[in-house]
Amino acid sequence: VIFVDDLDFDIIPVAKHIRHHPVFPEGINVNFARVIDAKTVRVR
Protein backbone atom coordinates (compact mmCIF):
# COMPACT_ATOMS: atom_id res chain seq x y z
CA VAL A 1 0.00 0.00 0.00
CA ILE A 2 1.36 3.40 -1.05
CA PHE A 3 -0.38 6.69 -0.23
CA VAL A 4 -0.04 9.48 -2.79
CA ASP A 5 -1.41 13.00 -3.17
CA ASP A 6 -2.42 12.48 -6.80
CA LEU A 7 -3.49 9.27 -8.57
CA ASP A 8 -3.28 10.79 -12.04
CA PHE A 9 -0.03 9.14 -13.18
CA ASP A 10 1.15 5.95 -14.87
CA ILE A 11 1.27 3.47 -11.99
CA ILE A 12 2.49 0.51 -14.08
CA PRO A 13 6.30 1.09 -14.11
CA VAL A 14 6.70 1.66 -10.38
CA ALA A 15 4.12 -1.05 -9.57
CA LYS A 16 6.11 -3.59 -11.60
CA HIS A 17 9.31 -2.54 -9.82
CA ILE A 18 7.77 -3.15 -6.38
CA ARG A 19 5.81 -6.24 -7.46
CA HIS A 20 9.06 -7.95 -8.57
CA HIS A 21 11.32 -6.57 -5.83
CA PRO A 22 13.45 -9.35 -4.29
CA VAL A 23 12.25 -8.45 -0.79
CA PHE A 24 8.94 -10.14 -1.78
CA PRO A 25 9.83 -13.75 -2.68
CA GLU A 26 6.31 -14.57 -3.93
CA GLY A 27 5.69 -11.16 -5.51
CA ILE A 28 3.09 -8.69 -4.29
CA ASN A 29 0.05 -6.72 -5.45
CA VAL A 30 0.59 -2.96 -5.43
CA ASN A 31 -2.04 -0.40 -4.38
CA PHE A 32 -1.80 3.37 -4.78
CA ALA A 33 -4.27 5.21 -2.54
CA ARG A 34 -5.40 8.79 -2.01
CA VAL A 35 -7.28 9.64 1.17
CA ILE A 36 -10.27 11.86 0.41
CA ASP A 37 -11.48 12.22 3.99
CA ALA A 38 -11.78 10.13 7.16
CA LYS A 39 -14.45 7.94 5.54
CA THR A 40 -13.35 7.75 1.91
CA VAL A 41 -10.28 6.52 0.05
CA ARG A 42 -9.67 6.25 -3.69
CA VAL A 43 -7.52 3.33 -4.91
CA ARG A 44 -5.77 2.02 -8.02
All heavy atoms as atom14 arrays in JSON, in Angstrom:
{
  "sequence": "VIFVDDLDFDIIPVAKHIRHHPVFPEGINVNFARVIDAKTVRVR",
  "atom14_mask": [
    [1, 1, 1, 1, 1, 1, 1, 0, 0, 0, 0, 0, 0, 0],
    [1, 1, 1, 1, 1, 1, 1, 1, 0, 0, 0, 0, 0, 0],
    [1, 1, 1, 1, 1, 1, 1, 1, 1, 1, 1, 0, 0, 0],
    [1, 1, 1, 1, 1, 1, 1, 0, 0, 0, 0, 0, 0, 0],
    [1, 1, 1, 1, 1, 1, 1, 1, 0, 0, 0, 0, 0, 0],
    [1, 1, 1, 1, 1, 1, 1, 1, 0, 0, 0, 0, 0, 0],
    [1, 1, 1, 1, 1, 1, 1, 1, 0, 0, 0, 0, 0, 0],
    [1, 1, 1, 1, 1, 1, 1, 1, 0, 0, 0, 0, 0, 0],
    [1, 1, 1, 1, 1, 1, 1, 1, 1, 1, 1, 0, 0, 0],
    [1, 1, 1, 1, 1, 1, 1, 1, 0, 0, 0, 0, 0, 0],
    [1, 1, 1, 1, 1, 1, 1, 1, 0, 0, 0, 0, 0, 0],
    [1, 1, 1, 1, 1, 1, 1, 1, 0, 0, 0, 0, 0, 0],
    [1, 1, 1, 1, 1, 1, 1, 0, 0, 0, 0, 0, 0, 0],
    [1, 1, 1, 1, 1, 1, 1, 0, 0, 0, 0, 0, 0, 0],
    [1, 1, 1, 1, 1, 0, 0, 0, 0, 0, 0, 0, 0, 0],
    [1, 1, 1, 1, 1, 1, 1, 1, 1, 0, 0, 0, 0, 0],
    [1, 1, 1, 1, 1, 1, 1, 1, 1, 1, 0, 0, 0, 0],
    [1, 1, 1, 1, 1, 1, 1, 1, 0, 0, 0, 0, 0, 0],
    [1, 1, 1, 1, 1, 1, 1, 1, 1, 1, 1, 0, 0, 0],
    [1, 1, 1, 1, 1, 1, 1, 1, 1, 1, 0, 0, 0, 0],
    [1, 1, 1, 1, 1, 1, 1, 1, 1, 1, 0, 0, 0, 0],
    [1, 1, 1, 1, 1, 1, 1, 0, 0, 0, 0, 0, 0, 0],
    [1, 1, 1, 1, 1, 1, 1, 0, 0, 0, 0, 0, 0, 0],
    [1, 1, 1, 1, 1, 1, 1, 1, 1, 1, 1, 0, 0, 0],
    [1, 1, 1, 1, 1, 1, 1, 0, 0, 0, 0, 0, 0, 0],
    [1, 1, 1, 1, 1, 1, 1, 1, 1, 0, 0, 0, 0, 0],
    [1, 1, 1, 1, 0, 0, 0, 0, 0, 0, 0, 0, 0, 0],
    [1, 1, 1, 1, 1, 1, 1, 1, 0, 0, 0, 0, 0, 0],
    [1, 1, 1, 1, 1, 1, 1, 1, 0, 0, 0, 0, 0, 0],
    [1, 1, 1, 1, 1, 1, 1, 0, 0, 0, 0, 0, 0, 0],
    [1, 1, 1, 1, 1, 1, 1, 1, 0, 0, 0, 0, 0, 0],
    [1, 1, 1, 1, 1, 1, 1, 1, 1, 1, 1, 0, 0, 0],
    [1, 1, 1, 1, 1, 0, 0, 0, 0, 0, 0, 0, 0, 0],
    [1, 1, 1, 1, 1, 1, 1, 1, 1, 1, 1, 0, 0, 0],
    [1, 1, 1, 1, 1, 1, 1, 0, 0, 0, 0, 0, 0, 0],
    [1, 1, 1, 1, 1, 1, 1, 1, 0, 0, 0, 0, 0, 0],
    [1, 1, 1, 1, 1, 1, 1, 1, 0, 0, 0, 0, 0, 0],
    [1, 1, 1, 1, 1, 0, 0, 0, 0, 0, 0, 0, 0, 0],
    [1, 1, 1, 1, 1, 1, 1, 1, 1, 0, 0, 0, 0, 0],
    [1, 1, 1, 1, 1, 1, 1, 0, 0, 0, 0, 0, 0, 0],
    [1, 1, 1, 1, 1, 1, 1, 0, 0, 0, 0, 0, 0, 0],
    [1, 1, 1, 1, 1, 1, 1, 1, 1, 1, 1, 0, 0, 0],
    [1, 1, 1, 1, 1, 1, 1, 0, 0, 0, 0, 0, 0, 0],
    [1, 1, 1, 1, 1, 1, 1, 1, 1, 1, 1, 0, 0, 0]
  ],
  "atom14_positions": [
    [[0.85, -1.19, 0.0], [0.0, 0.0, 0.0], [0.89, 1.24, 0.0], [1.81, 1.36, 0.82], [-0.94, 0.01, 1.22], [-1.74, 1.31, 1.26], [-1.87, -1.2, 1.2], [0.0, 0.0, 0.0], [0.0, 0.0, 0.0], [0.0, 0.0, 0.0], [0.0, 0.0, 0.0], [0.0, 0.0, 0.0], [0.0, 0.0, 0.0], [0.0, 0.0, 0.0]],
    [[0.6, 2.15, -0.92], [1.36, 3.4, -1.05], [0.37, 4.55, -1.11], [-0.53, 4.56, -1.97], [2.21, 3.39, -2.33], [3.18, 2.19, -2.34], [2.97, 4.7, -2.49], [3.77, 1.91, -3.69], [0.0, 0.0, 0.0], [0.0, 0.0, 0.0], [0.0, 0.0, 0.0], [0.0, 0.0, 0.0], [0.0, 0.0, 0.0], [0.0, 0.0, 0.0]],
    [[0.51, 5.53, -0.22], [-0.38, 6.69, -0.23], [0.27, 7.81, -1.04], [1.46, 8.11, -0.88], [-0.67, 7.16, 1.19], [-1.51, 6.18, 1.97], [-0.91, 5.3, 2.84], [-2.88, 6.12, 1.78], [-1.67, 4.37, 3.53], [-3.65, 5.2, 2.46], [-3.05, 4.32, 3.34], [0.0, 0.0, 0.0], [0.0, 0.0, 0.0], [0.0, 0.0, 0.0]],
    [[-0.52, 8.41, -1.92], [-0.04, 9.48, -2.79], [-1.03, 10.65, -2.74], [-2.19, 10.48, -2.36], [0.12, 8.99, -4.25], [1.22, 7.94, -4.36], [-1.2, 8.44, -4.79], [0.0, 0.0, 0.0], [0.0, 0.0, 0.0], [0.0, 0.0, 0.0], [0.0, 0.0, 0.0], [0.0, 0.0, 0.0], [0.0, 0.0, 0.0], [0.0, 0.0, 0.0]],
    [[-0.55, 11.81, -3.15], [-1.41, 13.0, -3.17], [-2.23, 13.08, -4.45], [-3.25, 13.77, -4.49], [-0.56, 14.27, -3.02], [0.13, 14.35, -1.67], [-0.47, 13.88, -0.68], [1.25, 14.89, -1.61], [0.0, 0.0, 0.0], [0.0, 0.0, 0.0], [0.0, 0.0, 0.0], [0.0, 0.0, 0.0], [0.0, 0.0, 0.0], [0.0, 0.0, 0.0]],
    [[-1.77, 12.41, -5.5], [-2.42, 12.48, -6.8], [-2.33, 11.12, -7.47], [-1.24, 10.55, -7.57], [-1.74, 13.55, -7.66], [-2.43, 13.78, -8.99], [-3.47, 13.12, -9.24], [-1.94, 14.58, -9.8], [0.0, 0.0, 0.0], [0.0, 0.0, 0.0], [0.0, 0.0, 0.0], [0.0, 0.0, 0.0], [0.0, 0.0, 0.0], [0.0, 0.0, 0.0]],
    [[-3.46, 10.58, -7.92], [-3.49, 9.27, -8.57], [-3.42, 9.38, -10.09], [-3.45, 8.36, -10.78], [-4.77, 8.52, -8.19], [-4.8, 7.91, -6.79], [-6.21, 7.43, -6.45], [-3.81, 6.76, -6.68], [0.0, 0.0, 0.0], [0.0, 0.0, 0.0], [0.0, 0.0, 0.0], [0.0, 0.0, 0.0], [0.0, 0.0, 0.0], [0.0, 0.0, 0.0]],
    [[-3.28, 10.59, -10.59], [-3.28, 10.79, -12.04], [-1.85, 10.66, -12.58], [-1.2, 11.64, -12.96], [-3.86, 12.16, -12.38], [-4.05, 12.34, -13.88], [-4.09, 11.33, -14.6], [-4.16, 13.51, -14.32], [0.0, 0.0, 0.0], [0.0, 0.0, 0.0], [0.0, 0.0, 0.0], [0.0, 0.0, 0.0], [0.0, 0.0, 0.0], [0.0, 0.0, 0.0]],
    [[-1.34, 9.42, -12.6], [-0.03, 9.14, -13.18], [0.01, 7.68, -13.61], [-0.87, 6.89, -13.25], [1.09, 9.46, -12.18], [1.19, 8.5, -11.01], [2.12, 7.48, -11.0], [0.34, 8.65, -9.91], [2.22, 6.61, -9.91], [0.41, 7.79, -8.82], [1.36, 6.76, -8.83], [0.0, 0.0, 0.0], [0.0, 0.0, 0.0], [0.0, 0.0, 0.0]],
    [[1.0, 7.32, -14.39], [1.15, 5.95, -14.87], [1.7, 5.09, -13.74], [2.9, 5.16, -13.42], [2.08, 5.92, -16.08], [2.21, 4.53, -16.69], [1.52, 3.6, -16.21], [3.0, 4.38, -17.65], [0.0, 0.0, 0.0], [0.0, 0.0, 0.0], [0.0, 0.0, 0.0], [0.0, 0.0, 0.0], [0.0, 0.0, 0.0], [0.0, 0.0, 0.0]],
    [[0.84, 4.27, -13.14], [1.27, 3.47, -11.99], [2.05, 2.22, -12.41], [2.72, 1.6, -11.57], [0.07, 3.05, -11.12], [-0.78, 2.0, -11.83], [-0.76, 4.26, -10.7], [-1.83, 1.35, -10.94], [0.0, 0.0, 0.0], [0.0, 0.0, 0.0], [0.0, 0.0, 0.0], [0.0, 0.0, 0.0], [0.0, 0.0, 0.0], [0.0, 0.0, 0.0]],
    [[1.97, 1.81, -13.67], [2.49, 0.51, -14.08], [4.0, 0.36, -13.85], [4.43, -0.64, -13.26], [2.14, 0.21, -15.55], [0.63, 0.3, -15.77], [2.66, -1.16, -15.96], [-0.19, -0.66, -14.95], [0.0, 0.0, 0.0], [0.0, 0.0, 0.0], [0.0, 0.0, 0.0], [0.0, 0.0, 0.0], [0.0, 0.0, 0.0], [0.0, 0.0, 0.0]],
    [[4.86, 1.31, -14.29], [6.3, 1.09, -14.11], [6.72, 0.9, -12.66], [7.46, -0.04, -12.33], [6.91, 2.35, -14.73], [5.9, 2.82, -15.71], [4.58, 2.53, -15.07], [0.0, 0.0, 0.0], [0.0, 0.0, 0.0], [0.0, 0.0, 0.0], [0.0, 0.0, 0.0], [0.0, 0.0, 0.0], [0.0, 0.0, 0.0], [0.0, 0.0, 0.0]],
    [[6.29, 1.78, -11.77], [6.7, 1.66, -10.38], [6.04, 0.45, -9.73], [6.65, -0.23, -8.89], [6.4, 2.96, -9.59], [4.91, 3.26, -9.55], [6.95, 2.85, -8.17], [0.0, 0.0, 0.0], [0.0, 0.0, 0.0], [0.0, 0.0, 0.0], [0.0, 0.0, 0.0], [0.0, 0.0, 0.0], [0.0, 0.0, 0.0], [0.0, 0.0, 0.0]],
    [[4.79, 0.14, -10.11], [4.12, -1.05, -9.57], [4.88, -2.31, -9.94], [5.07, -3.21, -9.1], [2.68, -1.12, -10.08], [0.0, 0.0, 0.0], [0.0, 0.0, 0.0], [0.0, 0.0, 0.0], [0.0, 0.0, 0.0], [0.0, 0.0, 0.0], [0.0, 0.0, 0.0], [0.0, 0.0, 0.0], [0.0, 0.0, 0.0], [0.0, 0.0, 0.0]],
    [[5.34, -2.41, -11.18], [6.11, -3.59, -11.6], [7.42, -3.69, -10.81], [7.84, -4.79, -10.42], [6.42, -3.5, -13.1], [5.26, -3.84, -14.0], [5.71, -3.84, -15.46], [4.58, -4.29, -16.39], [5.02, -4.3, -17.81], [0.0, 0.0, 0.0], [0.0, 0.0, 0.0], [0.0, 0.0, 0.0], [0.0, 0.0, 0.0], [0.0, 0.0, 0.0]],
    [[8.06, -2.55, -10.57], [9.31, -2.54, -9.82], [9.1, -3.12, -8.41], [9.89, -3.95, -7.94], [9.83, -1.11, -9.74], [11.03, -0.94, -8.86], [12.28, -1.42, -9.2], [11.16, -0.35, -7.63], [13.13, -1.13, -8.23], [12.48, -0.48, -7.27], [0.0, 0.0, 0.0], [0.0, 0.0, 0.0], [0.0, 0.0, 0.0], [0.0, 0.0, 0.0]],
    [[8.04, -2.68, -7.75], [7.77, -3.15, -6.38], [7.25, -4.58, -6.41], [7.64, -5.42, -5.58], [6.78, -2.21, -5.69], [7.42, -0.82, -5.52], [6.33, -2.77, -4.34], [6.47, 0.26, -5.06], [0.0, 0.0, 0.0], [0.0, 0.0, 0.0], [0.0, 0.0, 0.0], [0.0, 0.0, 0.0], [0.0, 0.0, 0.0], [0.0, 0.0, 0.0]],
    [[6.39, -4.89, -7.36], [5.81, -6.24, -7.46], [6.9, -7.3, -7.6], [6.8, -8.4, -7.06], [4.86, -6.31, -8.67], [4.21, -7.68, -8.9], [4.92, -8.42, -10.01], [4.28, -9.66, -10.38], [4.57, -10.85, -9.88], [5.48, -10.97, -8.94], [3.96, -11.93, -10.3], [0.0, 0.0, 0.0], [0.0, 0.0, 0.0], [0.0, 0.0, 0.0]],
    [[7.98, -6.99, -8.33], [9.06, -7.95, -8.57], [10.28, -7.74, -7.67], [11.3, -8.38, -7.87], [9.5, -7.87, -10.04], [8.48, -8.38, -11.01], [8.17, -9.72, -11.14], [7.68, -7.72, -11.89], [7.24, -9.87, -12.08], [6.91, -8.68, -12.53], [0.0, 0.0, 0.0], [0.0, 0.0, 0.0], [0.0, 0.0, 0.0], [0.0, 0.0, 0.0]],
    [[10.18, -6.85, -6.7], [11.32, -6.57, -5.83], [11.72, -7.84, -5.07], [10.86, -8.57, -4.57], [10.99, -5.44, -4.86], [12.19, -4.83, -4.22], [12.86, -5.43, -3.18], [12.85, -3.67, -4.47], [13.88, -4.68, -2.82], [13.9, -3.59, -3.58], [0.0, 0.0, 0.0], [0.0, 0.0, 0.0], [0.0, 0.0, 0.0], [0.0, 0.0, 0.0]],
    [[13.01, -8.11, -4.95], [13.45, -9.35, -4.29], [13.06, -9.46, -2.82], [13.1, -10.57, -2.26], [14.98, -9.32, -4.46], [15.33, -7.91, -4.81], [14.14, -7.37, -5.54], [0.0, 0.0, 0.0], [0.0, 0.0, 0.0], [0.0, 0.0, 0.0], [0.0, 0.0, 0.0], [0.0, 0.0, 0.0], [0.0, 0.0, 0.0], [0.0, 0.0, 0.0]],
    [[12.68, -8.36, -2.19], [12.25, -8.45, -0.79], [10.95, -9.24, -0.66], [10.62, -9.74, 0.42], [12.1, -7.04, -0.17], [10.85, -6.34, -0.67], [12.1, -7.11, 1.36], [0.0, 0.0, 0.0], [0.0, 0.0, 0.0], [0.0, 0.0, 0.0], [0.0, 0.0, 0.0], [0.0, 0.0, 0.0], [0.0, 0.0, 0.0], [0.0, 0.0, 0.0]],
    [[10.19, -9.38, -1.78], [8.94, -10.14, -1.78], [9.14, -11.42, -2.59], [8.99, -11.42, -3.82], [7.8, -9.3, -2.38], [7.57, -7.99, -1.68], [7.8, -6.78, -2.33], [7.15, -7.96, -0.36], [7.6, -5.57, -1.69], [6.96, -6.75, 0.3], [7.18, -5.55, -0.37], [0.0, 0.0, 0.0], [0.0, 0.0, 0.0], [0.0, 0.0, 0.0]],
    [[9.48, -12.52, -1.95], [9.83, -13.75, -2.68], [8.7, -14.35, -3.51], [8.95, -15.06, -4.48], [10.26, -14.72, -1.57], [9.63, -14.17, -0.32], [9.6, -12.7, -0.5], [0.0, 0.0, 0.0], [0.0, 0.0, 0.0], [0.0, 0.0, 0.0], [0.0, 0.0, 0.0], [0.0, 0.0, 0.0], [0.0, 0.0, 0.0], [0.0, 0.0, 0.0]],
    [[7.45, -14.06, -3.16], [6.31, -14.57, -3.93], [5.64, -13.46, -4.74], [4.55, -13.65, -5.27], [5.29, -15.23, -2.99], [5.84, -16.47, -2.28], [4.82, -17.12, -1.37], [3.64, -16.72, -1.4], [5.2, -18.04, -0.61], [0.0, 0.0, 0.0], [0.0, 0.0, 0.0], [0.0, 0.0, 0.0], [0.0, 0.0, 0.0], [0.0, 0.0, 0.0]],
    [[6.3, -12.3, -4.83], [5.69, -11.16, -5.51], [4.65, -10.51, -4.62], [4.35, -10.99, -3.52], [0.0, 0.0, 0.0], [0.0, 0.0, 0.0], [0.0, 0.0, 0.0], [0.0, 0.0, 0.0], [0.0, 0.0, 0.0], [0.0, 0.0, 0.0], [0.0, 0.0, 0.0], [0.0, 0.0, 0.0], [0.0, 0.0, 0.0], [0.0, 0.0, 0.0]],
    [[4.07, -9.42, -5.11], [3.09, -8.69, -4.29], [2.21, -7.83, -5.18], [2.64, -7.38, -6.25], [3.82, -7.81, -3.24], [2.87, -7.42, -2.1], [4.48, -6.6, -3.88], [3.61, -6.98, -0.84], [0.0, 0.0, 0.0], [0.0, 0.0, 0.0], [0.0, 0.0, 0.0], [0.0, 0.0, 0.0], [0.0, 0.0, 0.0], [0.0, 0.0, 0.0]],
    [[0.95, -7.67, -4.79], [0.05, -6.72, -5.45], [0.38, -5.33, -4.94], [0.78, -5.15, -3.78], [-1.41, -7.06, -5.14], [-1.8, -8.44, -5.61], [-2.06, -8.66, -6.78], [-1.83, -9.4, -4.69], [0.0, 0.0, 0.0], [0.0, 0.0, 0.0], [0.0, 0.0, 0.0], [0.0, 0.0, 0.0], [0.0, 0.0, 0.0], [0.0, 0.0, 0.0]],
    [[0.19, -4.32, -5.8], [0.59, -2.96, -5.43], [-0.59, -2.0, -5.56], [-1.2, -1.9, -6.63], [1.76, -2.47, -6.31], [2.23, -1.1, -5.84], [2.91, -3.48, -6.27], [0.0, 0.0, 0.0], [0.0, 0.0, 0.0], [0.0, 0.0, 0.0], [0.0, 0.0, 0.0], [0.0, 0.0, 0.0], [0.0, 0.0, 0.0], [0.0, 0.0, 0.0]],
    [[-0.91, -1.33, -4.44], [-2.04, -0.4, -4.38], [-1.56, 1.03, -4.16], [-0.76, 1.29, -3.25], [-2.97, -0.76, -3.22], [-3.43, -2.2, -3.27], [-4.45, -2.51, -3.86], [-2.67, -3.1, -2.64], [0.0, 0.0, 0.0], [0.0, 0.0, 0.0], [0.0, 0.0, 0.0], [0.0, 0.0, 0.0], [0.0, 0.0, 0.0], [0.0, 0.0, 0.0]],
    [[-2.05, 1.94, -4.97], [-1.8, 3.37, -4.78], [-3.1, 3.99, -4.29], [-4.16, 3.81, -4.91], [-1.35, 4.02, -6.08], [-0.03, 3.48, -6.58], [0.0, 2.37, -7.4], [1.17, 4.07, -6.2], [1.21, 1.86, -7.86], [2.37, 3.56, -6.64], [2.4, 2.46, -7.47], [0.0, 0.0, 0.0], [0.0, 0.0, 0.0], [0.0, 0.0, 0.0]],
    [[-3.04, 4.71, -3.18], [-4.27, 5.21, -2.54], [-4.16, 6.7, -2.25], [-3.09, 7.21, -1.88], [-4.53, 4.45, -1.25], [0.0, 0.0, 0.0], [0.0, 0.0, 0.0], [0.0, 0.0, 0.0], [0.0, 0.0, 0.0], [0.0, 0.0, 0.0], [0.0, 0.0, 0.0], [0.0, 0.0, 0.0], [0.0, 0.0, 0.0], [0.0, 0.0, 0.0]],
    [[-5.29, 7.37, -2.39], [-5.4, 8.79, -2.01], [-6.55, 8.93, -1.03], [-7.69, 8.56, -1.33], [-5.65, 9.65, -3.25], [-5.84, 11.13, -2.93], [-5.93, 11.98, -4.18], [-6.23, 13.37, -3.88], [-7.46, 13.89, -3.94], [-8.48, 13.15, -4.33], [-7.65, 15.15, -3.63], [0.0, 0.0, 0.0], [0.0, 0.0, 0.0], [0.0, 0.0, 0.0]],
    [[-6.26, 9.44, 0.14], [-7.28, 9.64, 1.17], [-8.08, 10.9, 0.84], [-7.51, 11.99, 0.71], [-6.64, 9.75, 2.57], [-7.72, 10.05, 3.61], [-5.89, 8.48, 2.92], [0.0, 0.0, 0.0], [0.0, 0.0, 0.0], [0.0, 0.0, 0.0], [0.0, 0.0, 0.0], [0.0, 0.0, 0.0], [0.0, 0.0, 0.0], [0.0, 0.0, 0.0]],
    [[-9.38, 10.73, 0.69], [-10.27, 11.86, 0.41], [-10.68, 12.54, 1.72], [-10.6, 13.76, 1.87], [-11.52, 11.42, -0.37], [-11.13, 10.64, -1.63], [-12.4, 12.63, -0.71], [-10.27, 11.41, -2.6], [0.0, 0.0, 0.0], [0.0, 0.0, 0.0], [0.0, 0.0, 0.0], [0.0, 0.0, 0.0], [0.0, 0.0, 0.0], [0.0, 0.0, 0.0]],
    [[-11.15, 11.74, 2.65], [-11.48, 12.22, 3.99], [-11.44, 11.01, 4.92], [-11.02, 9.93, 4.52], [-12.84, 12.93, 4.03], [-13.97, 12.09, 3.47], [-14.02, 10.87, 3.77], [-14.82, 12.63, 2.72], [0.0, 0.0, 0.0], [0.0, 0.0, 0.0], [0.0, 0.0, 0.0], [0.0, 0.0, 0.0], [0.0, 0.0, 0.0], [0.0, 0.0, 0.0]],
    [[-11.88, 11.19, 6.17], [-11.78, 10.13, 7.16], [-12.64, 8.91, 6.84], [-12.47, 7.85, 7.45], [-12.15, 10.67, 8.54], [0.0, 0.0, 0.0], [0.0, 0.0, 0.0], [0.0, 0.0, 0.0], [0.0, 0.0, 0.0], [0.0, 0.0, 0.0], [0.0, 0.0, 0.0], [0.0, 0.0, 0.0], [0.0, 0.0, 0.0], [0.0, 0.0, 0.0]],
    [[-13.56, 9.05, 5.87], [-14.45, 7.94, 5.54], [-14.33, 7.47, 4.09], [-15.06, 6.56, 3.69], [-15.9, 8.35, 5.82], [-16.2, 8.62, 7.29], [-17.67, 8.95, 7.48], [-17.99, 9.18, 8.96], [-19.44, 9.5, 9.17], [0.0, 0.0, 0.0], [0.0, 0.0, 0.0], [0.0, 0.0, 0.0], [0.0, 0.0, 0.0], [0.0, 0.0, 0.0]],
    [[-13.41, 8.06, 3.34], [-13.35, 7.75, 1.91], [-11.91, 7.72, 1.41], [-11.12, 8.62, 1.7], [-14.12, 8.81, 1.09], [-15.39, 9.06, 1.69], [-14.32, 8.33, -0.34], [0.0, 0.0, 0.0], [0.0, 0.0, 0.0], [0.0, 0.0, 0.0], [0.0, 0.0, 0.0], [0.0, 0.0, 0.0], [0.0, 0.0, 0.0], [0.0, 0.0, 0.0]],
    [[-11.6, 6.66, 0.65], [-10.28, 6.52, 0.05], [-10.46, 6.09, -1.4], [-11.32, 5.26, -1.72], [-9.43, 5.45, 0.78], [-8.05, 5.33, 0.15], [-9.3, 5.79, 2.25], [0.0, 0.0, 0.0], [0.0, 0.0, 0.0], [0.0, 0.0, 0.0], [0.0, 0.0, 0.0], [0.0, 0.0, 0.0], [0.0, 0.0, 0.0], [0.0, 0.0, 0.0]],
    [[-9.66, 6.65, -2.29], [-9.67, 6.25, -3.69], [-8.42, 5.4, -3.96], [-7.33, 5.73, -3.49], [-9.7, 7.47, -4.61], [-9.95, 7.13, -6.08], [-10.15, 8.39, -6.91], [-11.31, 9.15, -6.5], [-12.55, 8.87, -6.88], [-12.79, 7.84, -7.68], [-13.56, 9.62, -6.47], [0.0, 0.0, 0.0], [0.0, 0.0, 0.0], [0.0, 0.0, 0.0]],
    [[-8.59, 4.32, -4.75], [-7.52, 3.33, -4.91], [-7.36, 2.91, -6.37], [-8.35, 2.77, -7.1], [-7.82, 2.07, -4.05], [-6.73, 1.02, -4.24], [-7.93, 2.43, -2.59], [0.0, 0.0, 0.0], [0.0, 0.0, 0.0], [0.0, 0.0, 0.0], [0.0, 0.0, 0.0], [0.0, 0.0, 0.0], [0.0, 0.0, 0.0], [0.0, 0.0, 0.0]],
    [[-6.1, 2.69, -6.76], [-5.77, 2.02, -8.02], [-4.86, 0.84, -7.69], [-3.93, 0.99, -6.88], [-5.09, 2.97, -9.0], [-5.98, 4.1, -9.48], [-5.21, 5.07, -10.38], [-4.76, 4.41, -11.6], [-3.96, 5.02, -12.5], [-3.53, 6.26, -12.29], [-3.58, 4.36, -13.59], [0.0, 0.0, 0.0], [0.0, 0.0, 0.0], [0.0, 0.0, 0.0]]
  ]
}
